[in-house]
Amino acid sequence: LLSEDETTISISLPKTCKNFSELMTTLGNRQGVQIDLLLNNKPL
C-alpha cells in the first residue's frame, strides 16, 4: 500500500515474543502509536 504512494520500505523477518515481557524488551521504552483493534469483538 505504501508503494502506491511512492513510499519504499524493506521489511525484516518477524521476531516472535512468547510473552509481554519479551515484547517490552524488544520495543524498549520507545514512544509510538498504539492501535487497539477488535477481531470478532475480542481485543488485539
PDB file of all heavy atoms in Angstrom:
ATOM      1  N   LEU A   1       0.823  -1.205   0.000  1.00  0.00           N
ATOM      2  CA  LEU A   1       0.000   0.000   0.000  1.00  0.00           C
ATOM      3  C   LEU A   1       0.861   1.262   0.000  1.00  0.00           C
ATOM      4  O   LEU A   1       0.540   2.244  -0.665  1.00  0.00           O
ATOM      5  CB  LEU A   1      -0.929   0.005   1.226  1.00  0.00           C
ATOM      6  CG  LEU A   1      -2.046  -1.052   1.235  1.00  0.00           C
ATOM      7  CD1 LEU A   1      -2.796  -1.025   2.564  1.00  0.00           C
ATOM      8  CD2 LEU A   1      -3.018  -0.831   0.083  1.00  0.00           C
ATOM      9  N   LEU A   2       1.969   1.216   0.739  1.00  0.00           N
ATOM     10  CA  LEU A   2       2.878   2.370   0.770  1.00  0.00           C
ATOM     11  C   LEU A   2       3.486   2.629  -0.607  1.00  0.00           C
ATOM     12  O   LEU A   2       3.694   3.774  -1.008  1.00  0.00           O
ATOM     13  CB  LEU A   2       3.996   2.131   1.797  1.00  0.00           C
ATOM     14  CG  LEU A   2       3.588   2.236   3.267  1.00  0.00           C
ATOM     15  CD1 LEU A   2       4.701   1.691   4.156  1.00  0.00           C
ATOM     16  CD2 LEU A   2       3.273   3.681   3.650  1.00  0.00           C
ATOM     17  N   SER A   3       3.757   1.549  -1.334  1.00  0.00           N
ATOM     18  CA  SER A   3       4.370   1.717  -2.657  1.00  0.00           C
ATOM     19  C   SER A   3       3.439   2.449  -3.616  1.00  0.00           C
ATOM     20  O   SER A   3       3.888   3.110  -4.545  1.00  0.00           O
ATOM     21  CB  SER A   3       4.748   0.346  -3.241  1.00  0.00           C
ATOM     22  OG  SER A   3       3.594  -0.382  -3.639  1.00  0.00           O
ATOM     23  N   GLU A   4       2.130   2.340  -3.377  1.00  0.00           N
ATOM     24  CA  GLU A   4       1.166   3.049  -4.220  1.00  0.00           C
ATOM     25  C   GLU A   4       1.293   4.559  -4.032  1.00  0.00           C
ATOM     26  O   GLU A   4       0.884   5.342  -4.890  1.00  0.00           O
ATOM     27  CB  GLU A   4      -0.255   2.595  -3.895  1.00  0.00           C
ATOM     28  CG  GLU A   4      -0.506   1.125  -4.211  1.00  0.00           C
ATOM     29  CD  GLU A   4      -1.884   0.661  -3.782  1.00  0.00           C
ATOM     30  OE1 GLU A   4      -2.713   1.532  -3.436  1.00  0.00           O
ATOM     31  OE2 GLU A   4      -2.146  -0.553  -3.791  1.00  0.00           O
ATOM     32  N   ASP A   5       1.878   4.948  -2.890  1.00  0.00           N
ATOM     33  CA  ASP A   5       2.079   6.373  -2.600  1.00  0.00           C
ATOM     34  C   ASP A   5       3.560   6.748  -2.738  1.00  0.00           C
ATOM     35  O   ASP A   5       4.035   7.682  -2.113  1.00  0.00           O
ATOM     36  CB  ASP A   5       1.593   6.670  -1.174  1.00  0.00           C
ATOM     37  CG  ASP A   5       1.486   8.160  -0.899  1.00  0.00           C
ATOM     38  OD1 ASP A   5       1.210   8.910  -1.851  1.00  0.00           O
ATOM     39  OD2 ASP A   5       1.698   8.564   0.258  1.00  0.00           O
ATOM     40  N   GLU A   6       4.294   5.933  -3.549  1.00  0.00           N
ATOM     41  CA  GLU A   6       5.704   6.176  -3.842  1.00  0.00           C
ATOM     42  C   GLU A   6       6.576   6.149  -2.589  1.00  0.00           C
ATOM     43  O   GLU A   6       7.573   6.872  -2.494  1.00  0.00           O
ATOM     44  CB  GLU A   6       5.888   7.511  -4.576  1.00  0.00           C
ATOM     45  CG  GLU A   6       5.170   7.579  -5.915  1.00  0.00           C
ATOM     46  CD  GLU A   6       5.378   8.900  -6.629  1.00  0.00           C
ATOM     47  OE1 GLU A   6       6.426   9.519  -6.432  1.00  0.00           O
ATOM     48  OE2 GLU A   6       4.484   9.303  -7.380  1.00  0.00           O
ATOM     49  N   THR A   7       6.199   5.338  -1.614  1.00  0.00           N
ATOM     50  CA  THR A   7       6.993   5.181  -0.399  1.00  0.00           C
ATOM     51  C   THR A   7       7.539   3.761  -0.371  1.00  0.00           C
ATOM     52  O   THR A   7       6.774   2.799  -0.382  1.00  0.00           O
ATOM     53  CB  THR A   7       6.136   5.440   0.858  1.00  0.00           C
ATOM     54  OG1 THR A   7       5.597   6.769   0.789  1.00  0.00           O
ATOM     55  CG2 THR A   7       6.960   5.300   2.118  1.00  0.00           C
ATOM     56  N   THR A   8       8.878   3.644  -0.346  1.00  0.00           N
ATOM     57  CA  THR A   8       9.533   2.338  -0.403  1.00  0.00           C
ATOM     58  C   THR A   8      10.086   1.947   0.966  1.00  0.00           C
ATOM     59  O   THR A   8      10.745   2.754   1.621  1.00  0.00           O
ATOM     60  CB  THR A   8      10.685   2.356  -1.420  1.00  0.00           C
ATOM     61  OG1 THR A   8      10.163   2.632  -2.714  1.00  0.00           O
ATOM     62  CG2 THR A   8      11.410   1.022  -1.457  1.00  0.00           C
ATOM     63  N   ILE A   9       9.802   0.720   1.385  1.00  0.00           N
ATOM     64  CA  ILE A   9      10.399   0.198   2.617  1.00  0.00           C
ATOM     65  C   ILE A   9      10.873  -1.233   2.373  1.00  0.00           C
ATOM     66  O   ILE A   9      10.394  -1.921   1.472  1.00  0.00           O
ATOM     67  CB  ILE A   9       9.409   0.200   3.808  1.00  0.00           C
ATOM     68  CG1 ILE A   9       8.196  -0.712   3.529  1.00  0.00           C
ATOM     69  CG2 ILE A   9       8.976   1.606   4.161  1.00  0.00           C
ATOM     70  CD1 ILE A   9       7.299  -0.914   4.748  1.00  0.00           C
ATOM     71  N   SER A  10      11.852  -1.644   3.175  1.00  0.00           N
ATOM     72  CA  SER A  10      12.278  -3.042   3.221  1.00  0.00           C
ATOM     73  C   SER A  10      11.928  -3.561   4.613  1.00  0.00           C
ATOM     74  O   SER A  10      12.086  -2.840   5.605  1.00  0.00           O
ATOM     75  CB  SER A  10      13.787  -3.157   2.984  1.00  0.00           C
ATOM     76  OG  SER A  10      14.140  -2.665   1.710  1.00  0.00           O
ATOM     77  N   ILE A  11      11.438  -4.792   4.693  1.00  0.00           N
ATOM     78  CA  ILE A  11      10.995  -5.316   5.991  1.00  0.00           C
ATOM     79  C   ILE A  11      11.858  -6.504   6.407  1.00  0.00           C
ATOM     80  O   ILE A  11      12.362  -7.252   5.581  1.00  0.00           O
ATOM     81  CB  ILE A  11       9.513  -5.731   5.954  1.00  0.00           C
ATOM     82  CG1 ILE A  11       9.250  -6.786   4.877  1.00  0.00           C
ATOM     83  CG2 ILE A  11       8.626  -4.523   5.726  1.00  0.00           C
ATOM     84  CD1 ILE A  11       7.805  -7.266   4.830  1.00  0.00           C
ATOM     85  N   SER A  12      12.023  -6.647   7.725  1.00  0.00           N
ATOM     86  CA  SER A  12      12.805  -7.748   8.279  1.00  0.00           C
ATOM     87  C   SER A  12      11.914  -8.967   8.482  1.00  0.00           C
ATOM     88  O   SER A  12      10.695  -8.905   8.295  1.00  0.00           O
ATOM     89  CB  SER A  12      13.408  -7.331   9.621  1.00  0.00           C
ATOM     90  OG  SER A  12      12.371  -7.200  10.603  1.00  0.00           O
ATOM     91  N   LEU A  13      12.517 -10.062   8.889  1.00  0.00           N
ATOM     92  CA  LEU A  13      11.737 -11.235   9.299  1.00  0.00           C
ATOM     93  C   LEU A  13      11.138 -10.971  10.671  1.00  0.00           C
ATOM     94  O   LEU A  13      11.701 -10.218  11.474  1.00  0.00           O
ATOM     95  CB  LEU A  13      12.632 -12.481   9.350  1.00  0.00           C
ATOM     96  CG  LEU A  13      13.172 -12.968   7.997  1.00  0.00           C
ATOM     97  CD1 LEU A  13      14.164 -14.105   8.228  1.00  0.00           C
ATOM     98  CD2 LEU A  13      12.046 -13.420   7.095  1.00  0.00           C
ATOM     99  N   PRO A  14       9.977 -11.555  10.987  1.00  0.00           N
ATOM    100  CA  PRO A  14       9.356 -11.310  12.292  1.00  0.00           C
ATOM    101  C   PRO A  14      10.193 -11.880  13.441  1.00  0.00           C
ATOM    102  O   PRO A  14      10.788 -12.956  13.316  1.00  0.00           O
ATOM    103  CB  PRO A  14       8.017 -12.054  12.182  1.00  0.00           C
ATOM    104  CG  PRO A  14       7.800 -12.303  10.730  1.00  0.00           C
ATOM    105  CD  PRO A  14       9.151 -12.429  10.126  1.00  0.00           C
ATOM    106  N   LYS A  15      10.241 -11.147  14.535  1.00  0.00           N
ATOM    107  CA  LYS A  15      10.845 -11.639  15.774  1.00  0.00           C
ATOM    108  C   LYS A  15       9.694 -11.949  16.728  1.00  0.00           C
ATOM    109  O   LYS A  15       8.915 -11.067  17.088  1.00  0.00           O
ATOM    110  CB  LYS A  15      11.773 -10.586  16.388  1.00  0.00           C
ATOM    111  CG  LYS A  15      12.310 -10.962  17.772  1.00  0.00           C
ATOM    112  CD  LYS A  15      13.211  -9.871  18.327  1.00  0.00           C
ATOM    113  CE  LYS A  15      13.567 -10.149  19.786  1.00  0.00           C
ATOM    114  NZ  LYS A  15      14.189 -11.476  19.983  1.00  0.00           N
ATOM    115  N   THR A  16       9.552 -13.197  17.108  1.00  0.00           N
ATOM    116  CA  THR A  16       8.429 -13.592  17.948  1.00  0.00           C
ATOM    117  C   THR A  16       8.720 -13.311  19.420  1.00  0.00           C
ATOM    118  O   THR A  16       9.865 -13.368  19.876  1.00  0.00           O
ATOM    119  CB  THR A  16       8.106 -15.088  17.781  1.00  0.00           C
ATOM    120  OG1 THR A  16       9.282 -15.866  18.050  1.00  0.00           O
ATOM    121  CG2 THR A  16       7.640 -15.378  16.358  1.00  0.00           C
ATOM    122  N   CYS A  17       7.651 -13.005  20.161  1.00  0.00           N
ATOM    123  CA  CYS A  17       7.732 -12.722  21.601  1.00  0.00           C
ATOM    124  C   CYS A  17       6.695 -13.588  22.299  1.00  0.00           C
ATOM    125  O   CYS A  17       5.490 -13.413  22.082  1.00  0.00           O
ATOM    126  CB  CYS A  17       7.460 -11.247  21.877  1.00  0.00           C
ATOM    127  SG  CYS A  17       8.530 -10.105  20.946  1.00  0.00           S
ATOM    128  N   LYS A  18       7.157 -14.524  23.113  1.00  0.00           N
ATOM    129  CA  LYS A  18       6.234 -15.505  23.686  1.00  0.00           C
ATOM    130  C   LYS A  18       5.434 -14.966  24.869  1.00  0.00           C
ATOM    131  O   LYS A  18       4.482 -15.606  25.333  1.00  0.00           O
ATOM    132  CB  LYS A  18       6.973 -16.771  24.086  1.00  0.00           C
ATOM    133  CG  LYS A  18       8.040 -16.578  25.143  1.00  0.00           C
ATOM    134  CD  LYS A  18       8.789 -17.887  25.370  1.00  0.00           C
ATOM    135  CE  LYS A  18       9.907 -17.710  26.402  1.00  0.00           C
ATOM    136  NZ  LYS A  18      10.686 -18.950  26.585  1.00  0.00           N
ATOM    137  N   ASN A  19       5.812 -13.760  25.369  1.00  0.00           N
ATOM    138  CA  ASN A  19       5.049 -13.152  26.459  1.00  0.00           C
ATOM    139  C   ASN A  19       5.227 -11.635  26.426  1.00  0.00           C
ATOM    140  O   ASN A  19       6.011 -11.101  25.633  1.00  0.00           O
ATOM    141  CB  ASN A  19       5.465 -13.717  27.822  1.00  0.00           C
ATOM    142  CG  ASN A  19       6.974 -13.627  28.049  1.00  0.00           C
ATOM    143  OD1 ASN A  19       7.576 -12.574  27.827  1.00  0.00           O
ATOM    144  ND2 ASN A  19       7.579 -14.731  28.474  1.00  0.00           N
ATOM    145  N   PHE A  20       4.506 -10.950  27.297  1.00  0.00           N
ATOM    146  CA  PHE A  20       4.519  -9.484  27.302  1.00  0.00           C
ATOM    147  C   PHE A  20       5.898  -8.943  27.666  1.00  0.00           C
ATOM    148  O   PHE A  20       6.341  -7.915  27.149  1.00  0.00           O
ATOM    149  CB  PHE A  20       3.475  -8.972  28.299  1.00  0.00           C
ATOM    150  CG  PHE A  20       3.349  -7.477  28.339  1.00  0.00           C
ATOM    151  CD1 PHE A  20       2.775  -6.793  27.279  1.00  0.00           C
ATOM    152  CD2 PHE A  20       3.811  -6.752  29.430  1.00  0.00           C
ATOM    153  CE1 PHE A  20       2.669  -5.412  27.303  1.00  0.00           C
ATOM    154  CE2 PHE A  20       3.701  -5.378  29.459  1.00  0.00           C
ATOM    155  CZ  PHE A  20       3.123  -4.704  28.399  1.00  0.00           C
ATOM    156  N   SER A  21       6.588  -9.636  28.545  1.00  0.00           N
ATOM    157  CA  SER A  21       7.921  -9.195  28.970  1.00  0.00           C
ATOM    158  C   SER A  21       8.887  -9.156  27.783  1.00  0.00           C
ATOM    159  O   SER A  21       9.647  -8.192  27.609  1.00  0.00           O
ATOM    160  CB  SER A  21       8.467 -10.126  30.058  1.00  0.00           C
ATOM    161  OG  SER A  21       9.779  -9.749  30.415  1.00  0.00           O
ATOM    162  N   GLU A  22       8.870 -10.204  26.954  1.00  0.00           N
ATOM    163  CA  GLU A  22       9.736 -10.237  25.768  1.00  0.00           C
ATOM    164  C   GLU A  22       9.358  -9.131  24.782  1.00  0.00           C
ATOM    165  O   GLU A  22      10.233  -8.519  24.159  1.00  0.00           O
ATOM    166  CB  GLU A  22       9.644 -11.605  25.083  1.00  0.00           C
ATOM    167  CG  GLU A  22      10.423 -12.692  25.772  1.00  0.00           C
ATOM    168  CD  GLU A  22      10.538 -13.949  24.927  1.00  0.00           C
ATOM    169  OE1 GLU A  22      10.106 -13.917  23.751  1.00  0.00           O
ATOM    170  OE2 GLU A  22      11.041 -14.963  25.433  1.00  0.00           O
ATOM    171  N   LEU A  23       8.068  -8.857  24.657  1.00  0.00           N
ATOM    172  CA  LEU A  23       7.610  -7.811  23.757  1.00  0.00           C
ATOM    173  C   LEU A  23       8.136  -6.451  24.205  1.00  0.00           C
ATOM    174  O   LEU A  23       8.640  -5.657  23.402  1.00  0.00           O
ATOM    175  CB  LEU A  23       6.082  -7.798  23.704  1.00  0.00           C
ATOM    176  CG  LEU A  23       5.444  -6.743  22.787  1.00  0.00           C
ATOM    177  CD1 LEU A  23       5.781  -7.019  21.327  1.00  0.00           C
ATOM    178  CD2 LEU A  23       3.925  -6.717  22.976  1.00  0.00           C
ATOM    179  N   MET A  24       8.045  -6.175  25.514  1.00  0.00           N
ATOM    180  CA  MET A  24       8.504  -4.892  26.037  1.00  0.00           C
ATOM    181  C   MET A  24      10.019  -4.753  25.910  1.00  0.00           C
ATOM    182  O   MET A  24      10.530  -3.658  25.658  1.00  0.00           O
ATOM    183  CB  MET A  24       8.081  -4.746  27.501  1.00  0.00           C
ATOM    184  CG  MET A  24       6.580  -4.551  27.677  1.00  0.00           C
ATOM    185  SD  MET A  24       5.931  -3.129  26.753  1.00  0.00           S
ATOM    186  CE  MET A  24       6.800  -1.791  27.569  1.00  0.00           C
ATOM    187  N   THR A  25      10.737  -5.859  26.081  1.00  0.00           N
ATOM    188  CA  THR A  25      12.197  -5.820  25.922  1.00  0.00           C
ATOM    189  C   THR A  25      12.562  -5.465  24.489  1.00  0.00           C
ATOM    190  O   THR A  25      13.497  -4.703  24.235  1.00  0.00           O
ATOM    191  CB  THR A  25      12.809  -7.187  26.291  1.00  0.00           C
ATOM    192  OG1 THR A  25      12.509  -7.475  27.661  1.00  0.00           O
ATOM    193  CG2 THR A  25      14.319  -7.175  26.100  1.00  0.00           C
ATOM    194  N   THR A  26      11.823  -6.030  23.524  1.00  0.00           N
ATOM    195  CA  THR A  26      12.086  -5.760  22.109  1.00  0.00           C
ATOM    196  C   THR A  26      11.750  -4.318  21.743  1.00  0.00           C
ATOM    197  O   THR A  26      12.497  -3.652  21.024  1.00  0.00           O
ATOM    198  CB  THR A  26      11.260  -6.713  21.220  1.00  0.00           C
ATOM    199  OG1 THR A  26      11.586  -8.067  21.548  1.00  0.00           O
ATOM    200  CG2 THR A  26      11.569  -6.478  19.744  1.00  0.00           C
ATOM    201  N   LEU A  27      10.626  -3.822  22.276  1.00  0.00           N
ATOM    202  CA  LEU A  27      10.200  -2.464  21.950  1.00  0.00           C
ATOM    203  C   LEU A  27      10.945  -1.407  22.758  1.00  0.00           C
ATOM    204  O   LEU A  27      11.063  -0.247  22.321  1.00  0.00           O
ATOM    205  CB  LEU A  27       8.688  -2.311  22.191  1.00  0.00           C
ATOM    206  CG  LEU A  27       7.765  -3.117  21.282  1.00  0.00           C
ATOM    207  CD1 LEU A  27       6.310  -2.946  21.717  1.00  0.00           C
ATOM    208  CD2 LEU A  27       7.930  -2.685  19.833  1.00  0.00           C
ATOM    209  N   GLY A  28      11.471  -1.800  23.930  1.00  0.00           N
ATOM    210  CA  GLY A  28      12.147  -0.830  24.783  1.00  0.00           C
ATOM    211  C   GLY A  28      11.161   0.190  25.328  1.00  0.00           C
ATOM    212  O   GLY A  28       9.967  -0.082  25.485  1.00  0.00           O
ATOM    213  N   ASN A  29      11.640   1.385  25.571  1.00  0.00           N
ATOM    214  CA  ASN A  29      10.772   2.445  26.096  1.00  0.00           C
ATOM    215  C   ASN A  29      10.354   3.429  25.004  1.00  0.00           C
ATOM    216  O   ASN A  29      10.086   4.598  25.275  1.00  0.00           O
ATOM    217  CB  ASN A  29      11.492   3.193  27.226  1.00  0.00           C
ATOM    218  CG  ASN A  29      11.744   2.295  28.420  1.00  0.00           C
ATOM    219  OD1 ASN A  29      10.887   1.510  28.807  1.00  0.00           O
ATOM    220  ND2 ASN A  29      12.935   2.406  29.003  1.00  0.00           N
ATOM    221  N   ARG A  30      10.344   2.948  23.765  1.00  0.00           N
ATOM    222  CA  ARG A  30      10.023   3.831  22.649  1.00  0.00           C
ATOM    223  C   ARG A  30       8.589   4.337  22.719  1.00  0.00           C
ATOM    224  O   ARG A  30       7.671   3.588  23.041  1.00  0.00           O
ATOM    225  CB  ARG A  30      10.218   3.102  21.314  1.00  0.00           C
ATOM    226  CG  ARG A  30      11.656   2.742  20.984  1.00  0.00           C
ATOM    227  CD  ARG A  30      11.699   2.026  19.639  1.00  0.00           C
ATOM    228  NE  ARG A  30      13.048   1.692  19.236  1.00  0.00           N
ATOM    229  CZ  ARG A  30      13.685   0.578  19.601  1.00  0.00           C
ATOM    230  NH1 ARG A  30      13.081  -0.308  20.372  1.00  0.00           N
ATOM    231  NH2 ARG A  30      14.913   0.357  19.181  1.00  0.00           N
ATOM    232  N   GLN A  31       8.442   5.593  22.382  1.00  0.00           N
ATOM    233  CA  GLN A  31       7.093   6.123  22.246  1.00  0.00           C
ATOM    234  C   GLN A  31       6.584   5.775  20.852  1.00  0.00           C
ATOM    235  O   GLN A  31       7.326   5.791  19.878  1.00  0.00           O
ATOM    236  CB  GLN A  31       7.085   7.639  22.425  1.00  0.00           C
ATOM    237  CG  GLN A  31       5.676   8.231  22.461  1.00  0.00           C
ATOM    238  CD  GLN A  31       5.691   9.720  22.669  1.00  0.00           C
ATOM    239  OE1 GLN A  31       6.284  10.449  21.895  1.00  0.00           O
ATOM    240  NE2 GLN A  31       5.039  10.184  23.726  1.00  0.00           N
ATOM    241  N   GLY A  32       5.325   5.422  20.763  1.00  0.00           N
ATOM    242  CA  GLY A  32       4.770   5.042  19.476  1.00  0.00           C
ATOM    243  C   GLY A  32       3.279   5.273  19.438  1.00  0.00           C
ATOM    244  O   GLY A  32       2.713   5.960  20.299  1.00  0.00           O
ATOM    245  N   VAL A  33       2.655   4.695  18.435  1.00  0.00           N
ATOM    246  CA  VAL A  33       1.197   4.768  18.323  1.00  0.00           C
ATOM    247  C   VAL A  33       0.637   3.381  18.601  1.00  0.00           C
ATOM    248  O   VAL A  33       0.980   2.415  17.916  1.00  0.00           O
ATOM    249  CB  VAL A  33       0.760   5.235  16.920  1.00  0.00           C
ATOM    250  CG1 VAL A  33      -0.766   5.274  16.836  1.00  0.00           C
ATOM    251  CG2 VAL A  33       1.341   6.602  16.599  1.00  0.00           C
ATOM    252  N   GLN A  34      -0.178   3.275  19.618  1.00  0.00           N
ATOM    253  CA  GLN A  34      -0.836   2.009  19.932  1.00  0.00           C
ATOM    254  C   GLN A  34      -2.237   2.026  19.348  1.00  0.00           C
ATOM    255  O   GLN A  34      -3.017   2.938  19.597  1.00  0.00           O
ATOM    256  CB  GLN A  34      -0.906   1.792  21.445  1.00  0.00           C
ATOM    257  CG  GLN A  34      -1.580   0.466  21.823  1.00  0.00           C
ATOM    258  CD  GLN A  34      -1.514   0.198  23.308  1.00  0.00           C
ATOM    259  OE1 GLN A  34      -0.444   0.314  23.922  1.00  0.00           O
ATOM    260  NE2 GLN A  34      -2.638  -0.162  23.911  1.00  0.00           N
ATOM    261  N   ILE A  35      -2.538   1.013  18.547  1.00  0.00           N
ATOM    262  CA  ILE A  35      -3.856   0.905  17.930  1.00  0.00           C
ATOM    263  C   ILE A  35      -4.577  -0.287  18.544  1.00  0.00           C
ATOM    264  O   ILE A  35      -4.091  -1.427  18.456  1.00  0.00           O
ATOM    265  CB  ILE A  35      -3.756   0.722  16.396  1.00  0.00           C
ATOM    266  CG1 ILE A  35      -2.956   1.867  15.765  1.00  0.00           C
ATOM    267  CG2 ILE A  35      -5.134   0.658  15.774  1.00  0.00           C
ATOM    268  CD1 ILE A  35      -1.546   1.487  15.394  1.00  0.00           C
ATOM    269  N   ASP A  36      -5.682  -0.040  19.199  1.00  0.00           N
ATOM    270  CA  ASP A  36      -6.485  -1.114  19.786  1.00  0.00           C
ATOM    271  C   ASP A  36      -7.497  -1.580  18.739  1.00  0.00           C
ATOM    272  O   ASP A  36      -8.305  -0.786  18.241  1.00  0.00           O
ATOM    273  CB  ASP A  36      -7.207  -0.635  21.036  1.00  0.00           C
ATOM    274  CG  ASP A  36      -6.237  -0.266  22.163  1.00  0.00           C
ATOM    275  OD1 ASP A  36      -5.037  -0.602  22.031  1.00  0.00           O
ATOM    276  OD2 ASP A  36      -6.673   0.358  23.145  1.00  0.00           O
ATOM    277  N   LEU A  37      -7.425  -2.870  18.406  1.00  0.00           N
ATOM    278  CA  LEU A  37      -8.296  -3.448  17.394  1.00  0.00           C
ATOM    279  C   LEU A  37      -9.218  -4.481  18.019  1.00  0.00           C
ATOM    280  O   LEU A  37      -8.975  -4.961  19.142  1.00  0.00           O
ATOM    281  CB  LEU A  37      -7.462  -4.110  16.297  1.00  0.00           C
ATOM    282  CG  LEU A  37      -6.413  -3.241  15.591  1.00  0.00           C
ATOM    283  CD1 LEU A  37      -5.526  -4.104  14.705  1.00  0.00           C
ATOM    284  CD2 LEU A  37      -7.086  -2.172  14.762  1.00  0.00           C
ATOM    285  N   LEU A  38     -10.244  -4.845  17.274  1.00  0.00           N
ATOM    286  CA  LEU A  38     -11.146  -5.920  17.687  1.00  0.00           C
ATOM    287  C   LEU A  38     -11.275  -6.918  16.544  1.00  0.00           C
ATOM    288  O   LEU A  38     -11.443  -6.527  15.388  1.00  0.00           O
ATOM    289  CB  LEU A  38     -12.529  -5.372  18.040  1.00  0.00           C
ATOM    290  CG  LEU A  38     -12.662  -4.497  19.290  1.00  0.00           C
ATOM    291  CD1 LEU A  38     -14.079  -3.949  19.394  1.00  0.00           C
ATOM    292  CD2 LEU A  38     -12.298  -5.283  20.556  1.00  0.00           C
ATOM    293  N   LEU A  39     -11.160  -8.191  16.868  1.00  0.00           N
ATOM    294  CA  LEU A  39     -11.439  -9.262  15.917  1.00  0.00           C
ATOM    295  C   LEU A  39     -12.567 -10.087  16.485  1.00  0.00           C
ATOM    296  O   LEU A  39     -12.412 -10.746  17.520  1.00  0.00           O
ATOM    297  CB  LEU A  39     -10.195 -10.148  15.696  1.00  0.00           C
ATOM    298  CG  LEU A  39     -10.392 -11.344  14.765  1.00  0.00           C
ATOM    299  CD1 LEU A  39     -10.777 -10.876  13.359  1.00  0.00           C
ATOM    300  CD2 LEU A  39      -9.131 -12.204  14.713  1.00  0.00           C
ATOM    301  N   ASN A  40     -13.729 -10.015  15.838  1.00  0.00           N
ATOM    302  CA  ASN A  40     -14.942 -10.650  16.375  1.00  0.00           C
ATOM    303  C   ASN A  40     -15.193 -10.204  17.818  1.00  0.00           C
ATOM    304  O   ASN A  40     -15.478 -11.011  18.701  1.00  0.00           O
ATOM    305  CB  ASN A  40     -14.830 -12.175  16.298  1.00  0.00           C
ATOM    306  CG  ASN A  40     -14.897 -12.678  14.874  1.00  0.00           C
ATOM    307  OD1 ASN A  40     -15.296 -11.952  13.970  1.00  0.00           O
ATOM    308  ND2 ASN A  40     -14.490 -13.913  14.666  1.00  0.00           N
ATOM    309  N   ASN A  41     -15.026  -8.872  18.021  1.00  0.00           N
ATOM    310  CA  ASN A  41     -15.262  -8.229  19.324  1.00  0.00           C
ATOM    311  C   ASN A  41     -14.280  -8.642  20.412  1.00  0.00           C
ATOM    312  O   ASN A  41     -14.544  -8.428  21.595  1.00  0.00           O
ATOM    313  CB  ASN A  41     -16.707  -8.492  19.798  1.00  0.00           C
ATOM    314  CG  ASN A  41     -17.724  -7.770  18.934  1.00  0.00           C
ATOM    315  OD1 ASN A  41     -17.522  -6.617  18.574  1.00  0.00           O
ATOM    316  ND2 ASN A  41     -18.809  -8.463  18.598  1.00  0.00           N
ATOM    317  N   LYS A  42     -13.159  -9.204  20.021  1.00  0.00           N
ATOM    318  CA  LYS A  42     -12.128  -9.563  21.004  1.00  0.00           C
ATOM    319  C   LYS A  42     -10.864  -8.756  20.716  1.00  0.00           C
ATOM    320  O   LYS A  42     -10.506  -8.539  19.559  1.00  0.00           O
ATOM    321  CB  LYS A  42     -11.838 -11.064  20.938  1.00  0.00           C
ATOM    322  CG  LYS A  42     -13.056 -11.896  21.327  1.00  0.00           C
ATOM    323  CD  LYS A  42     -12.777 -13.377  21.219  1.00  0.00           C
ATOM    324  CE  LYS A  42     -14.031 -14.187  21.592  1.00  0.00           C
ATOM    325  NZ  LYS A  42     -13.806 -15.644  21.424  1.00  0.00           N
ATOM    326  N   PRO A  43     -10.177  -8.284  21.785  1.00  0.00           N
ATOM    327  CA  PRO A  43      -9.101  -7.300  21.598  1.00  0.00           C
ATOM    328  C   PRO A  43      -7.784  -7.895  21.082  1.00  0.00           C
ATOM    329  O   PRO A  43      -7.385  -8.992  21.454  1.00  0.00           O
ATOM    330  CB  PRO A  43      -8.914  -6.729  23.010  1.00  0.00           C
ATOM    331  CG  PRO A  43      -9.310  -7.860  23.915  1.00  0.00           C
ATOM    332  CD  PRO A  43     -10.433  -8.571  23.203  1.00  0.00           C
ATOM    333  N   LEU A  44      -7.133  -7.129  20.236  1.00  0.00           N
ATOM    334  CA  LEU A  44      -5.748  -7.376  19.859  1.00  0.00           C
ATOM    335  C   LEU A  44      -5.111  -6.013  19.612  1.00  0.00           C
ATOM    336  O   LEU A  44      -5.814  -5.006  19.479  1.00  0.00           O
ATOM    337  CB  LEU A  44      -5.625  -8.288  18.651  1.00  0.00           C
ATOM    338  CG  LEU A  44      -6.186  -7.838  17.312  1.00  0.00           C
ATOM    339  CD1 LEU A  44      -5.460  -8.551  16.172  1.00  0.00           C
ATOM    340  CD2 LEU A  44      -7.670  -8.189  17.220  1.00  0.00           C
TER     341      LEU A  44
END
